[in-house]
Amino acid sequence: MRVLVVGGSGFLGRTVCRRAVDAGLSVVGSFHSGSMDVPGVAARRLDVTDRAAVRALVAEVRPDAVVGTPYRYGDWAVTADGAAHVAVAAAEVGARLVHVSSDALHAGRPTPYADDDPPTPVHAYGAAKAAAETAVRAIDPGAAVVRTSLILGEGSKQIQLCRDALAGRAVLFTDELRCPIDVTDLADAVLELVASSYAGPLNVAGPDAVSRADLGRLVAERSGVSTAGLTTTTGASTGLTRPLDVRLDSSRAAGLLRTRLRGVRELLAH
């Protein structure tokens, strides 16, 4: 099987590429700037905002499956339009499409979100991710749409934010709840979906709901670092514009997939 990973130089995309190579797949990974040096991956430069370029690359590679991971915070053209361009190109060659979405498209509420709950974005990035999903599902109703949460692992922006907060360079919120997932678990789940016929949205996140502040404390404990310099507050008190309590119910994915989605407490345990 040949897989094209669009956004293959990103944190998740790179891991998907590595795990796909390890599984014996033929892998092409796209990148926008800089370089991409994952062993066993054929790297191709691509601007997902260029519809013609996306169609040309997919037509040349003729993948059996396409994994769409590109996004740029605050950039509608990359996050929303880019996803639509990828979906069109994949459909033209009859490739299986797995699109990676985000919990950011929900507004936040006191109860967890199910897989099929409709998007309720409250900020620009959430709206872009919601638009991306709408385009993907309209273009290819058979596509799998993976809604995930904070992605952890060495090199994760989420872990770095916690380290910055522990060093007094950032503030973490006590009322901003998410369900973090390990990048390898997520990549393996995505590749399982590549080989499946699952269609529609699927929550793929960890089973533990933690606040940003609690995540910082777990990182401190794992690293043996004092929490004395950790500054916390509430998003509500600061007028935070992004959603606060966004917990994903991933029980459907847990029952469907062989990959075990580990919780953050297990991931960061000593």
Protein backbone atom coordinates (compact mmCIF):
# COMPACT_ATOMS: atom_id res chain seq x y z
CA MET A 1 0.00 0.00 0.00
CA ARG A 2 1.22 3.49 -0.84
CA VAL A 3 0.32 6.24 1.60
CA LEU A 4 0.68 9.98 1.08
CA VAL A 5 0.99 11.94 4.31
CA VAL A 6 0.14 15.58 3.62
CA GLY A 7 1.86 17.63 6.30
CA GLY A 8 4.43 14.89 6.83
CA SER A 9 7.00 17.24 8.32
CA GLY A 10 4.74 18.22 11.23
CA PHE A 11 4.82 16.69 14.70
CA LEU A 12 2.02 14.20 14.03
CA GLY A 13 2.73 13.81 10.31
CA ARG A 14 6.34 12.84 10.90
CA THR A 15 5.29 10.18 13.39
CA VAL A 16 2.66 8.82 10.99
CA CYS A 17 5.39 8.57 8.34
CA ARG A 18 7.76 6.72 10.67
CA ARG A 19 5.13 4.28 11.87
CA ALA A 20 3.94 3.65 8.31
CA VAL A 21 7.50 2.84 7.18
CA ASP A 22 7.88 0.53 10.18
CA ALA A 23 4.68 -1.24 9.05
CA GLY A 24 6.19 -1.88 5.63
CA LEU A 25 4.14 0.67 3.70
CA SER A 26 5.39 2.77 0.80
CA VAL A 27 5.31 6.33 2.12
CA VAL A 28 5.42 9.76 0.50
CA GLY A 29 5.40 12.74 2.86
CA SER A 30 4.83 16.35 1.91
CA PHE A 31 6.38 19.42 3.51
CA HIS A 32 5.94 23.13 2.90
CA SER A 33 9.22 24.70 3.95
CA GLY A 34 12.57 23.61 5.31
CA SER A 35 13.25 19.93 4.77
CA MET A 36 11.99 16.48 5.67
CA ASP A 37 14.43 13.70 6.46
CA VAL A 38 12.44 10.71 7.70
CA PRO A 39 14.27 7.53 6.62
CA GLY A 40 12.33 5.51 4.07
CA VAL A 41 10.00 8.39 3.16
CA ALA A 42 9.97 10.05 -0.25
CA ALA A 43 9.72 13.76 0.58
CA ARG A 44 7.87 16.18 -1.68
CA ARG A 45 7.45 19.91 -1.27
CA LEU A 46 3.81 21.06 -1.36
CA ASP A 47 1.77 24.18 -0.69
CA VAL A 48 -1.70 22.93 0.26
CA THR A 49 -3.22 26.33 -0.54
CA ASP A 50 -2.32 25.74 -4.21
CA ARG A 51 -5.18 23.55 -5.43
CA ALA A 52 -3.52 22.74 -8.74
CA ALA A 53 -0.29 21.70 -7.03
CA VAL A 54 -2.15 19.40 -4.64
CA ARG A 55 -4.02 17.74 -7.49
CA ALA A 56 -0.82 17.36 -9.51
CA LEU A 57 1.10 15.72 -6.66
CA VAL A 58 -1.69 13.30 -5.79
CA ALA A 59 -2.18 12.42 -9.45
CA GLU A 60 1.56 11.73 -9.78
CA VAL A 61 1.91 9.70 -6.56
CA ARG A 62 -1.42 7.88 -7.03
CA PRO A 63 -1.60 6.77 -3.40
CA ASP A 64 -3.94 4.11 -2.10
CA ALA A 65 -4.56 6.32 0.92
CA VAL A 66 -4.04 9.94 1.93
CA VAL A 67 -3.58 11.13 5.51
CA GLY A 68 -4.29 14.84 5.87
CA THR A 69 -2.53 16.50 8.82
CA PRO A 70 -1.66 20.04 7.66
CA TYR A 71 -2.74 23.07 9.65
CA ARG A 72 -1.45 26.48 10.55
CA TYR A 73 -2.96 28.24 13.53
CA GLY A 74 -4.64 31.43 12.40
CA ASP A 75 -4.35 30.56 8.70
CA TRP A 76 -7.73 29.74 7.13
CA ALA A 77 -6.22 29.01 3.72
CA VAL A 78 -4.02 26.21 5.07
CA THR A 79 -6.40 24.75 7.65
CA ALA A 80 -9.73 24.93 5.81
CA ASP A 81 -9.05 25.45 2.10
CA GLY A 82 -6.04 23.14 2.21
CA ALA A 83 -8.13 20.32 3.63
CA ALA A 84 -10.67 20.75 0.84
CA HIS A 85 -7.94 20.69 -1.82
CA VAL A 86 -6.55 17.45 -0.37
CA ALA A 87 -10.01 15.87 -0.26
CA VAL A 88 -10.72 16.77 -3.89
CA ALA A 89 -7.39 15.38 -5.05
CA ALA A 90 -7.78 12.16 -3.07
CA ALA A 91 -11.27 11.63 -4.47
CA GLU A 92 -10.03 12.12 -8.03
CA VAL A 93 -7.67 9.13 -7.74
CA GLY A 94 -10.00 7.05 -5.57
CA ALA A 95 -7.70 7.14 -2.53
CA ARG A 96 -8.87 6.36 0.99
CA LEU A 97 -8.84 9.62 3.02
CA VAL A 98 -8.18 10.01 6.73
CA HIS A 99 -8.48 13.66 7.77
CA VAL A 100 -7.12 14.78 11.15
CA SER A 101 -9.35 17.29 12.91
CA SER A 102 -9.37 18.79 16.41
CA ASP A 103 -11.38 19.23 19.59
CA ALA A 104 -10.95 22.99 18.97
CA LEU A 105 -14.10 22.98 16.85
CA HIS A 106 -16.25 22.55 19.98
CA ALA A 107 -17.40 25.41 22.21
CA GLY A 108 -16.82 23.60 25.52
CA ARG A 109 -19.39 22.28 28.00
CA PRO A 110 -19.63 20.38 31.31
CA THR A 111 -20.22 16.99 29.62
CA PRO A 112 -17.96 15.10 27.18
CA TYR A 113 -18.49 15.34 23.44
CA ALA A 114 -19.57 12.26 21.48
CA ASP A 115 -18.12 11.40 18.07
CA ASP A 116 -21.12 12.70 16.15
CA ASP A 117 -21.69 15.95 18.04
CA PRO A 118 -21.77 18.80 15.50
CA PRO A 119 -19.10 21.52 15.58
CA THR A 120 -19.85 24.63 17.65
CA PRO A 121 -16.74 26.79 17.12
CA VAL A 122 -16.20 29.90 19.21
CA HIS A 123 -12.90 31.15 17.78
CA ALA A 124 -11.25 31.45 14.37
CA TYR A 125 -9.13 28.31 14.54
CA GLY A 126 -12.12 26.22 15.63
CA ALA A 127 -14.15 27.67 12.77
CA ALA A 128 -11.40 26.77 10.30
CA LYS A 129 -11.27 23.18 11.58
CA ALA A 130 -15.08 22.97 11.40
CA ALA A 131 -15.02 24.26 7.82
CA ALA A 132 -12.33 21.72 6.95
CA GLU A 133 -14.52 18.90 8.26
CA THR A 134 -17.55 20.17 6.36
CA ALA A 135 -15.58 20.26 3.11
CA VAL A 136 -14.01 16.84 3.61
CA ARG A 137 -17.31 15.15 4.45
CA ALA A 138 -19.11 16.81 1.53
CA ILE A 139 -16.41 15.86 -0.97
CA ASP A 140 -15.83 12.33 0.37
CA PRO A 141 -18.59 10.93 2.63
CA GLY A 142 -16.48 7.78 3.07
CA ALA A 143 -13.56 9.63 4.65
CA ALA A 144 -12.59 9.05 8.27
CA VAL A 145 -12.42 12.28 10.28
CA VAL A 146 -10.25 11.98 13.39
CA ARG A 147 -11.06 14.46 16.15
CA THR A 148 -8.18 14.55 18.57
CA SER A 149 -6.89 16.61 21.49
CA LEU A 150 -3.55 17.80 22.89
CA ILE A 151 -0.79 15.70 21.31
CA LEU A 152 2.02 14.69 23.65
CA GLY A 153 5.48 13.25 23.13
CA GLU A 154 9.07 14.47 22.98
CA GLY A 155 9.04 17.62 20.89
CA SER A 156 5.38 18.34 21.63
CA LYS A 157 4.38 22.00 21.84
CA GLN A 158 2.11 21.04 24.74
CA ILE A 159 4.98 19.64 26.79
CA GLN A 160 7.13 22.68 25.96
CA LEU A 161 4.35 25.00 27.16
CA CYS A 162 4.30 23.15 30.47
CA ARG A 163 8.08 23.44 30.79
CA ASP A 164 7.87 27.15 30.03
CA ALA A 165 5.21 27.56 32.71
CA LEU A 166 7.31 25.68 35.26
CA ALA A 167 10.16 28.06 34.46
CA GLY A 168 7.90 31.07 34.98
CA ARG A 169 7.64 31.96 31.30
CA ALA A 170 3.97 31.06 30.80
CA VAL A 171 0.68 30.68 32.67
CA LEU A 172 -1.48 27.54 32.75
CA PHE A 173 -5.24 27.50 33.23
CA THR A 174 -6.98 25.41 35.86
CA ASP A 175 -10.33 25.35 34.03
CA GLU A 176 -9.12 24.48 30.51
CA LEU A 177 -9.70 20.72 30.29
CA ARG A 178 -8.55 18.41 27.51
CA CYS A 179 -7.91 14.68 26.91
CA PRO A 180 -4.23 14.47 25.87
CA ILE A 181 -2.99 11.63 23.66
CA ASP A 182 0.45 10.26 22.88
CA VAL A 183 1.63 11.05 19.35
CA THR A 184 2.55 7.41 18.66
CA ASP A 185 -0.85 6.15 19.84
CA LEU A 186 -2.54 8.70 17.59
CA ALA A 187 -0.36 7.84 14.60
CA ASP A 188 -1.06 4.12 15.02
CA ALA A 189 -4.79 4.81 15.29
CA VAL A 190 -4.68 6.88 12.10
CA LEU A 191 -2.92 4.08 10.24
CA GLU A 192 -5.49 1.58 11.48
CA LEU A 193 -8.18 3.81 10.04
CA VAL A 194 -6.29 3.99 6.74
CA ALA A 195 -6.77 0.23 6.43
CA SER A 196 -10.42 0.33 7.53
CA SER A 197 -13.69 1.43 5.95
CA TYR A 198 -14.76 3.63 8.88
CA ALA A 199 -16.52 6.77 7.69
CA GLY A 200 -17.35 9.99 9.54
CA PRO A 201 -16.05 11.60 12.71
CA LEU A 202 -14.26 9.57 15.37
CA ASN A 203 -12.92 10.90 18.67
CA VAL A 204 -9.37 9.63 19.14
CA ALA A 205 -8.01 11.00 22.41
CA GLY A 206 -6.78 9.76 25.76
CA PRO A 207 -9.16 8.58 28.49
CA ASP A 208 -7.88 11.05 31.11
CA ALA A 209 -9.35 14.55 31.25
CA VAL A 210 -6.89 16.99 32.81
CA SER A 211 -6.55 20.73 33.06
CA ARG A 212 -3.59 22.54 31.55
CA ALA A 213 -2.41 23.23 35.08
CA ASP A 214 -2.63 19.55 36.05
CA LEU A 215 -0.74 18.63 32.91
CA GLY A 216 2.01 21.01 33.99
CA ARG A 217 2.16 19.34 37.40
CA LEU A 218 2.37 15.89 35.79
CA VAL A 219 5.22 17.07 33.57
CA ALA A 220 6.98 18.48 36.64
CA GLU A 221 6.61 15.20 38.52
CA ARG A 222 7.87 13.21 35.54
CA SER A 223 10.88 15.51 35.16
CA GLY A 224 11.64 15.85 38.86
CA VAL A 225 11.12 19.61 38.66
CA SER A 226 9.67 21.78 41.41
CA THR A 227 6.26 23.35 40.81
CA ALA A 228 7.21 26.38 42.94
CA GLY A 229 7.48 28.62 39.88
CA LEU A 230 4.24 27.45 38.29
CA THR A 231 1.69 30.23 37.82
CA THR A 232 -1.93 29.24 37.30
CA THR A 233 -5.17 31.10 36.77
CA THR A 234 -8.56 30.54 35.19
CA GLY A 235 -9.39 31.13 31.58
CA ALA A 236 -12.75 32.49 32.63
CA SER A 237 -11.13 35.26 34.68
CA THR A 238 -8.83 36.32 31.84
CA GLY A 239 -11.49 36.29 29.11
CA LEU A 240 -9.84 33.43 27.24
CA THR A 241 -11.33 33.27 23.75
CA ARG A 242 -10.71 29.59 23.08
CA PRO A 243 -13.03 26.88 24.51
CA LEU A 244 -12.41 25.75 28.08
CA ASP A 245 -13.92 22.39 29.05
CA VAL A 246 -13.60 20.21 25.94
CA ARG A 247 -13.51 16.53 26.83
CA LEU A 248 -13.81 13.92 24.08
CA ASP A 249 -15.55 10.60 24.69
CA SER A 250 -13.30 8.16 22.80
CA SER A 251 -15.08 4.98 23.85
CA ARG A 252 -16.09 4.21 20.25
CA ALA A 253 -12.47 4.36 19.12
CA ALA A 254 -11.35 2.26 22.09
CA GLY A 255 -13.78 -0.46 21.03
CA LEU A 256 -13.01 -0.17 17.32
CA LEU A 257 -9.21 0.02 17.27
CA ARG A 258 -6.49 -2.40 18.30
CA THR A 259 -4.29 0.53 19.35
CA ARG A 260 -4.64 1.21 23.06
CA LEU A 261 -5.16 4.91 23.70
CA ARG A 262 -3.19 5.56 26.86
CA GLY A 263 -4.13 8.22 29.37
CA VAL A 264 -1.84 11.08 30.27
CA ARG A 265 -1.26 9.81 33.79
CA GLU A 266 0.07 6.53 32.42
CA LEU A 267 2.13 8.33 29.80
CA LEU A 268 3.79 10.63 32.33
CA ALA A 269 4.10 8.14 35.20
CA HIS A 270 7.56 7.59 36.62
